[in-house]
Amino acid sequence: MRRMILAATAAAWLLAPAALRADEIGDAITEAGRAYAAGDLAAARTALGEASQLLQQRAADGLVLALPAAPAGWTAEDAESQAAATIFGGMTQASRSYRNGSDQTVRVEIAADNPMIAQVAMILGNPAMAGAMGRLVRIGPHRGVQGQDGNITMLLKNRYLVQIGGDAPLEAKMAFARAVDATKLPD
C-alpha cells in the first residue's frame, strides 16, 4: 500500500507542470520518486523526510502572517518561525516580541501541528477545566485563559495555540490577543 501511495505521489508530481515543481519541496519529492524508482529506499525515505520538514517550515512561515503589527507606541522585532520534528510528532511555531516607550514587553507566540495542542484544546473547550487554569476571558469571539502570571492562552480554530506573555499590563496583552488575525490561519 505504501509503495502504491509513494509511486502515485511521485508520478503525479513528475507529470505536473514544471512551474508547480520549481521549488525545493517539489525537488525533494521528485528526488524521492527517482530514488524509489531506482530501488534506493533509504534515499527515498530521506528525500521524503526532507520534503516533510520543508513543508513544516513553510507552514511555520505562514503563521507569521497572523501575528499582529505593532500598534501605535510599540515597536515590533522581526518575527521568528520554527519547524521541528519532536518525539511526539511535528511542531510549527511563529513568534514576535514587542516593546513600548516605557520598556514594557509583550511576546505573541502561535503554535500548530503539535499533539500537545489537542490536550490543551480539551482543557480550553471545557469552561470548568479552563477555569482551573486561571481566569476565563473573552477575546473577541474566542475564549482564553488568563493565568496567575497575567499571561493569556487561547485556542484558535481548534488547532492553533496562541500565548501572549510579557511584563506589560493585562490591557496591553488583551489588545495584542485581539489583534491576532485568525483569518490568516489556514483551516
Protein backbone atom coordinates (compact mmCIF):
# COMPACT_ATOMS: atom_id res chain seq x y z
CA MET A 1 0.00 0.00 0.00
CA ARG A 2 2.81 2.41 0.93
CA ARG A 3 4.56 1.69 -2.34
CA MET A 4 1.41 2.45 -4.29
CA ILE A 5 0.93 5.77 -2.47
CA LEU A 6 4.57 6.74 -2.92
CA ALA A 7 4.53 5.74 -6.58
CA ALA A 8 1.26 7.61 -7.22
CA THR A 9 2.55 10.72 -5.45
CA ALA A 10 5.82 10.64 -7.34
CA ALA A 11 4.08 10.01 -10.67
CA ALA A 12 1.61 12.84 -10.09
CA TRP A 13 4.44 15.16 -9.17
CA LEU A 14 6.53 14.18 -12.19
CA LEU A 15 3.56 14.73 -14.51
CA ALA A 16 2.69 18.13 -13.01
CA PRO A 17 3.65 21.24 -14.98
CA ALA A 18 7.22 22.40 -14.37
CA ALA A 19 6.07 25.68 -12.79
CA LEU A 20 4.39 23.75 -10.00
CA ARG A 21 7.51 21.70 -9.37
CA ALA A 22 10.05 24.53 -9.36
CA ASP A 23 10.72 24.74 -5.63
CA GLU A 24 12.72 22.91 -3.03
CA ILE A 25 9.74 20.94 -1.73
CA GLY A 26 8.94 19.72 -5.23
CA ASP A 27 12.61 18.95 -5.83
CA ALA A 28 12.72 16.77 -2.71
CA ILE A 29 9.56 14.92 -3.74
CA THR A 30 10.95 14.40 -7.24
CA GLU A 31 14.20 13.12 -5.74
CA ALA A 32 12.23 10.68 -3.57
CA GLY A 33 10.37 9.40 -6.63
CA ARG A 34 13.58 8.88 -8.56
CA ALA A 35 15.26 7.13 -5.64
CA TYR A 36 12.25 4.91 -5.14
CA ALA A 37 12.11 4.05 -8.85
CA ALA A 38 15.79 3.12 -8.66
CA GLY A 39 15.12 0.86 -5.66
CA ASP A 40 17.04 3.06 -3.21
CA LEU A 41 14.53 3.05 -0.37
CA ALA A 42 16.86 4.73 2.12
CA ALA A 43 17.41 7.69 -0.21
CA ALA A 44 13.67 7.85 -0.97
CA ARG A 45 12.88 7.94 2.76
CA THR A 46 15.48 10.65 3.36
CA ALA A 47 14.16 12.79 0.50
CA LEU A 48 10.56 12.40 1.74
CA GLY A 49 11.72 13.39 5.23
CA GLU A 50 13.34 16.47 3.73
CA ALA A 51 10.13 17.33 1.86
CA SER A 52 8.14 16.90 5.07
CA GLN A 53 10.49 19.20 7.00
CA LEU A 54 10.37 21.81 4.22
CA LEU A 55 6.56 21.70 4.30
CA GLN A 56 6.64 22.28 8.06
CA GLN A 57 8.97 25.23 7.58
CA ARG A 58 6.65 26.75 5.01
CA ALA A 59 3.70 26.26 7.39
CA ALA A 60 5.64 27.98 10.20
CA ASP A 61 6.41 30.90 7.91
CA GLY A 62 2.67 31.12 7.17
CA LEU A 63 1.90 31.53 10.88
CA VAL A 64 3.88 34.78 10.85
CA LEU A 65 1.10 36.35 8.76
CA ALA A 66 -1.32 36.11 11.70
CA LEU A 67 0.99 37.91 14.14
CA PRO A 68 -0.15 41.45 14.94
CA ALA A 69 1.59 44.52 13.58
CA ALA A 70 3.00 46.84 16.22
CA PRO A 71 0.26 49.18 17.49
CA ALA A 72 0.91 52.88 17.98
CA GLY A 73 3.54 53.43 20.66
CA TRP A 74 5.03 49.96 20.23
CA THR A 75 7.86 48.59 18.10
CA ALA A 76 7.99 45.04 16.80
CA GLU A 77 11.04 42.86 16.45
CA ASP A 78 11.40 40.64 13.41
CA ALA A 79 9.09 37.66 13.55
CA GLU A 80 10.65 34.26 14.11
CA SER A 81 9.35 30.97 12.79
CA GLN A 82 10.42 27.45 13.58
CA ALA A 83 9.53 23.97 12.43
CA ALA A 84 10.80 20.90 14.18
CA ALA A 85 10.19 17.23 14.47
CA THR A 86 9.68 16.11 18.04
CA ILE A 87 9.32 12.78 19.73
CA PHE A 88 5.55 13.40 19.74
CA GLY A 89 5.35 14.45 16.07
CA GLY A 90 5.92 17.79 14.42
CA MET A 91 5.65 21.34 15.62
CA THR A 92 5.43 24.67 13.85
CA GLN A 93 5.65 27.97 15.66
CA ALA A 94 5.90 31.68 14.96
CA SER A 95 6.54 34.46 17.45
CA ARG A 96 7.25 38.15 17.68
CA SER A 97 8.25 40.40 20.56
CA TYR A 98 7.06 43.96 21.02
CA ARG A 99 8.32 46.83 23.18
CA ASN A 100 6.78 50.18 24.08
CA GLY A 101 8.33 53.50 25.13
CA SER A 102 8.07 52.52 28.81
CA ASP A 103 10.25 49.47 28.04
CA GLN A 104 7.35 47.08 28.66
CA THR A 105 7.30 43.95 26.53
CA VAL A 106 4.75 41.60 25.01
CA ARG A 107 5.54 38.35 23.21
CA VAL A 108 2.98 36.67 20.97
CA GLU A 109 3.51 33.02 20.04
CA ILE A 110 1.38 30.89 17.72
CA ALA A 111 1.98 27.14 17.64
CA ALA A 112 0.41 24.46 15.46
CA ASP A 113 0.84 20.81 14.48
CA ASN A 114 1.78 19.76 17.98
CA PRO A 115 -0.02 16.84 19.63
CA MET A 116 0.07 18.72 22.94
CA ILE A 117 -2.34 21.26 21.42
CA ALA A 118 -5.07 18.61 21.36
CA GLN A 119 -4.73 18.24 25.13
CA VAL A 120 -4.85 22.00 25.67
CA ALA A 121 -7.88 22.18 23.33
CA MET A 122 -9.68 19.68 25.52
CA ILE A 123 -8.99 21.82 28.59
CA LEU A 124 -9.89 25.14 26.95
CA GLY A 125 -13.02 23.60 25.43
CA ASN A 126 -14.37 22.83 28.89
CA PRO A 127 -15.00 26.04 30.87
CA ALA A 128 -14.77 24.24 34.21
CA MET A 129 -11.36 22.79 33.36
CA ALA A 130 -10.17 26.04 31.78
CA GLY A 131 -11.23 27.93 34.89
CA ALA A 132 -8.89 25.73 36.91
CA MET A 133 -6.00 27.08 34.80
CA GLY A 134 -6.85 30.69 35.58
CA ARG A 135 -9.42 33.37 34.90
CA LEU A 136 -11.61 32.87 31.81
CA VAL A 137 -11.50 35.84 29.42
CA ARG A 138 -13.29 36.60 26.15
CA ILE A 139 -11.08 37.77 23.32
CA GLY A 140 -13.48 38.74 20.57
CA PRO A 141 -15.31 35.54 19.65
CA HIS A 142 -12.67 33.37 21.34
CA ARG A 143 -12.31 32.06 24.86
CA GLY A 144 -8.99 32.40 26.59
CA VAL A 145 -7.44 31.90 29.97
CA GLN A 146 -5.51 34.50 31.90
CA GLY A 147 -3.01 32.66 34.07
CA GLN A 148 -1.91 33.76 37.51
CA ASP A 149 1.16 35.27 35.86
CA GLY A 150 -1.11 37.52 33.75
CA ASN A 151 -0.26 35.72 30.52
CA ILE A 152 -3.03 34.78 28.13
CA THR A 153 -3.58 31.46 26.38
CA MET A 154 -6.22 30.91 23.71
CA LEU A 155 -7.01 28.38 21.04
CA LEU A 156 -7.95 29.44 17.51
CA LYS A 157 -9.71 27.16 15.03
CA ASN A 158 -9.17 24.23 17.42
CA ARG A 159 -5.59 23.82 16.16
CA TYR A 160 -3.61 26.97 16.86
CA LEU A 161 -2.38 27.66 20.37
CA VAL A 162 -1.77 31.36 20.96
CA GLN A 163 0.14 32.54 24.00
CA ILE A 164 0.65 36.17 24.94
CA GLY A 165 3.18 36.94 27.65
CA GLY A 166 5.49 39.66 28.82
CA ASP A 167 5.67 42.28 31.52
CA ALA A 168 3.18 44.73 30.00
CA PRO A 169 -0.17 45.27 31.76
CA LEU A 170 -3.08 42.95 31.10
CA GLU A 171 -4.87 45.54 28.92
CA ALA A 172 -1.91 45.57 26.51
CA LYS A 173 -1.79 41.77 26.38
CA MET A 174 -5.53 41.66 25.69
CA ALA A 175 -5.11 44.19 22.86
CA PHE A 176 -2.41 42.02 21.29
CA ALA A 177 -4.60 38.92 21.73
CA ARG A 178 -7.45 40.67 19.89
CA ALA A 179 -5.04 41.73 17.13
CA VAL A 180 -4.01 38.18 16.22
CA ASP A 181 -5.56 37.68 12.77
CA ALA A 182 -7.23 34.26 12.86
CA THR A 183 -8.46 34.75 9.28
CA LYS A 184 -4.86 34.35 8.10
CA LEU A 185 -4.54 30.92 9.70
CA PRO A 186 -5.46 28.04 7.41
CA ASP A 187 -8.48 25.95 8.42
